[in-house]
Amino acid sequence: MNNSDRVFVHQFAKLIGGLAVLTVVLILTALAIYGHEPKETDPNVQAQVDARLAPAGAVYAGNTGRAAMQAAADAATKAAASQVAYGGTTDGKTIFDHLCTSCHTAGVAGAPKVGNKAMWAPRIAEGLDTLIKHATDGYHGPDGNFMPPKGGNPALTDAQVKAAVTWIVDQAK
């Protein structure tokens, strides 16, 4: 190996060494910067922990307990009332216009059309109570017709179903 080759190898070794030192310095700098960044947190974690730690029930004792139980019952009654369809109305026409009209106007799934006396006569002959039961519980007819329970709206009360059926039957008399 001649002198110029040794100089080249020596300078090349210095270059490689310098690059290695630069790499180590950059890695250490990146670690230092990353160490000062706040850790990423999931905002749902605290809510999940609170849900796991929440008591499964409550103990009510004395007058305070009676008041708490009454408040809970009132809140449950209010929540149940808000779940009643169409504001709790028992106007058969209103319920029909909101729910029943789509099937009983077009005859969907074999539904008898409102006002069609020929289609309603055999059903009316079975009695109003039977029609209300079919509307409340649902019905699969022998000819393939289908009535979903409560017209497909479980929020209807039995009184609302009865009012709607009575109104529809009155239209076919």
Protein backbone atom coordinates (compact mmCIF):
# COMPACT_ATOMS: atom_id res chain seq x y z
CA MET A 1 0.00 0.00 0.00
CA ASN A 2 1.50 3.27 -1.00
CA ASN A 3 1.41 6.56 0.88
CA SER A 4 -1.58 8.07 -0.98
CA ASP A 5 -3.64 4.94 -0.26
CA ARG A 6 -2.85 5.17 3.46
CA VAL A 7 -3.89 8.84 3.51
CA PHE A 8 -7.16 7.97 1.77
CA VAL A 9 -7.93 5.10 4.18
CA HIS A 10 -7.06 7.33 7.16
CA GLN A 11 -9.33 10.17 5.95
CA PHE A 12 -12.09 7.71 5.06
CA ALA A 13 -11.91 6.17 8.55
CA LYS A 14 -12.18 9.66 10.08
CA LEU A 15 -15.23 10.36 7.91
CA ILE A 16 -16.95 7.10 8.92
CA GLY A 17 -16.10 7.76 12.60
CA GLY A 18 -17.49 11.29 12.36
CA LEU A 19 -20.69 10.03 10.77
CA ALA A 20 -21.06 7.41 13.53
CA VAL A 21 -20.62 10.09 16.22
CA LEU A 22 -23.15 12.33 14.42
CA THR A 23 -25.64 9.42 14.32
CA VAL A 24 -25.26 8.81 18.05
CA VAL A 25 -25.70 12.54 18.79
CA LEU A 26 -28.85 12.71 16.65
CA ILE A 27 -30.32 9.62 18.35
CA LEU A 28 -29.64 11.02 21.82
CA THR A 29 -31.13 14.39 20.84
CA ALA A 30 -34.26 12.71 19.49
CA LEU A 31 -34.65 10.68 22.70
CA ALA A 32 -34.26 13.82 24.81
CA ILE A 33 -36.90 15.68 22.77
CA TYR A 34 -39.29 12.70 22.82
CA GLY A 35 -38.88 12.35 26.59
CA HIS A 36 -40.26 15.86 27.13
CA GLU A 37 -43.39 15.33 25.02
CA PRO A 38 -46.58 14.62 27.02
CA LYS A 39 -47.82 11.06 26.72
CA GLU A 40 -50.92 10.54 24.62
CA THR A 41 -53.99 9.87 26.75
CA ASP A 42 -57.35 8.38 25.87
CA PRO A 43 -60.16 10.65 27.14
CA ASN A 44 -62.48 7.65 27.50
CA VAL A 45 -60.27 5.82 29.98
CA GLN A 46 -61.48 7.78 33.02
CA ALA A 47 -65.12 7.30 32.04
CA GLN A 48 -64.54 3.54 31.65
CA VAL A 49 -62.87 3.35 35.05
CA ASP A 50 -65.71 5.32 36.66
CA ALA A 51 -68.28 3.00 35.08
CA ARG A 52 -66.47 -0.08 36.42
CA LEU A 53 -66.24 1.41 39.90
CA ALA A 54 -69.81 2.72 40.09
CA PRO A 55 -72.00 0.94 42.63
CA ALA A 56 -74.44 -1.61 41.25
CA GLY A 57 -77.27 -0.44 43.49
CA ALA A 58 -78.18 1.94 46.23
CA VAL A 59 -79.27 1.62 49.82
CA TYR A 60 -82.24 3.69 50.88
CA ALA A 61 -83.01 4.09 54.58
CA GLY A 62 -85.31 6.33 56.60
CA ASN A 63 -86.94 9.50 55.31
CA THR A 64 -83.98 10.30 53.08
CA GLY A 65 -84.33 6.86 51.49
CA ARG A 66 -88.06 7.30 50.93
CA ALA A 67 -87.46 10.67 49.28
CA ALA A 68 -84.72 9.21 47.07
CA MET A 69 -86.93 6.26 46.07
CA GLN A 70 -89.80 8.63 45.23
CA ALA A 71 -87.50 10.83 43.15
CA ALA A 72 -86.20 7.77 41.29
CA ALA A 73 -89.76 6.55 40.65
CA ASP A 74 -90.80 9.99 39.39
CA ALA A 75 -87.79 10.13 37.07
CA ALA A 76 -88.58 6.64 35.73
CA THR A 77 -92.22 7.60 35.12
CA LYS A 78 -91.17 10.76 33.29
CA ALA A 79 -88.66 8.81 31.16
CA ALA A 80 -91.29 6.19 30.31
CA ALA A 81 -93.83 8.86 29.35
CA SER A 82 -91.34 10.44 26.95
CA GLN A 83 -91.01 7.09 25.18
CA VAL A 84 -94.72 6.89 24.29
CA ALA A 85 -95.35 7.37 20.60
CA TYR A 86 -96.92 10.53 19.21
CA GLY A 87 -97.00 12.29 22.58
CA GLY A 88 -99.40 9.69 24.01
CA THR A 89 -102.32 10.74 21.83
CA THR A 90 -105.21 8.28 21.58
CA ASP A 91 -106.68 9.91 18.47
CA GLY A 92 -107.02 7.00 16.05
CA LYS A 93 -106.79 9.17 12.94
CA THR A 94 -103.57 10.81 14.14
CA ILE A 95 -101.96 7.44 14.83
CA PHE A 96 -103.19 6.12 11.46
CA ASP A 97 -101.78 9.15 9.63
CA HIS A 98 -98.38 8.76 11.29
CA LEU A 99 -97.95 4.99 11.18
CA CYS A 100 -100.66 2.89 9.58
CA THR A 101 -101.24 4.83 6.37
CA SER A 102 -98.20 3.46 4.55
CA CYS A 103 -99.50 -0.13 4.54
CA HIS A 104 -103.27 0.32 4.82
CA THR A 105 -103.47 2.84 1.98
CA ALA A 106 -101.43 0.83 -0.54
CA GLY A 107 -102.32 -2.69 0.67
CA VAL A 108 -98.71 -3.62 1.47
CA ALA A 109 -98.16 -7.25 2.61
CA GLY A 110 -101.85 -8.01 2.15
CA ALA A 111 -103.01 -5.23 4.47
CA PRO A 112 -106.68 -4.41 3.92
CA LYS A 113 -107.04 -0.93 2.50
CA VAL A 114 -108.74 1.60 4.72
CA GLY A 115 -112.38 2.15 3.71
CA ASN A 116 -112.54 -1.04 1.59
CA LYS A 117 -115.66 -2.70 3.02
CA ALA A 118 -115.17 -5.97 1.09
CA MET A 119 -111.66 -6.47 2.48
CA TRP A 120 -112.63 -5.49 6.03
CA ALA A 121 -115.98 -7.34 6.33
CA PRO A 122 -114.52 -10.80 7.15
CA ARG A 123 -112.07 -9.26 9.58
CA ILE A 124 -114.73 -7.18 11.32
CA ALA A 125 -116.83 -10.35 11.62
CA GLU A 126 -114.07 -11.84 13.80
CA GLY A 127 -114.68 -9.07 16.32
CA LEU A 128 -112.95 -5.89 17.38
CA ASP A 129 -111.07 -7.64 20.20
CA THR A 130 -109.49 -10.07 17.72
CA LEU A 131 -108.45 -7.23 15.43
CA ILE A 132 -106.91 -5.34 18.36
CA LYS A 133 -105.07 -8.52 19.45
CA HIS A 134 -103.70 -9.02 15.93
CA ALA A 135 -102.60 -5.37 15.77
CA THR A 136 -100.98 -5.53 19.23
CA ASP A 137 -99.28 -8.94 19.00
CA GLY A 138 -98.76 -9.16 15.24
CA TYR A 139 -100.40 -11.52 12.79
CA HIS A 140 -99.46 -13.87 9.94
CA GLY A 141 -102.52 -14.63 7.84
CA PRO A 142 -103.16 -17.89 5.97
CA ASP A 143 -102.95 -16.07 2.63
CA GLY A 144 -99.48 -14.70 3.42
CA ASN A 145 -100.53 -11.30 4.71
CA PHE A 146 -98.53 -9.91 7.61
CA MET A 147 -99.20 -7.40 10.38
CA PRO A 148 -96.17 -6.50 12.53
CA PRO A 149 -96.76 -6.10 16.28
CA LYS A 150 -97.99 -2.56 17.03
CA GLY A 151 -97.57 -1.70 13.37
CA GLY A 152 -93.80 -1.87 13.79
CA ASN A 153 -93.71 0.84 16.47
CA PRO A 154 -93.16 -0.74 19.92
CA ALA A 155 -93.57 2.69 21.57
CA LEU A 156 -97.33 2.54 20.97
CA THR A 157 -99.41 1.82 24.05
CA ASP A 158 -102.25 -0.70 23.99
CA ALA A 159 -104.72 2.19 24.21
CA GLN A 160 -103.16 3.81 21.14
CA VAL A 161 -103.35 0.55 19.18
CA LYS A 162 -107.00 0.14 20.18
CA ALA A 163 -107.79 3.72 19.12
CA ALA A 164 -106.13 3.25 15.73
CA VAL A 165 -107.87 -0.08 15.05
CA THR A 166 -111.23 1.34 16.12
CA TRP A 167 -110.77 4.32 13.78
CA ILE A 168 -109.80 2.09 10.84
CA VAL A 169 -112.75 -0.25 11.45
CA ASP A 170 -115.14 2.72 11.64
CA GLN A 171 -113.97 3.76 8.16
CA ALA A 172 -115.02 0.36 6.75
CA LYS A 173 -118.54 0.28 8.26
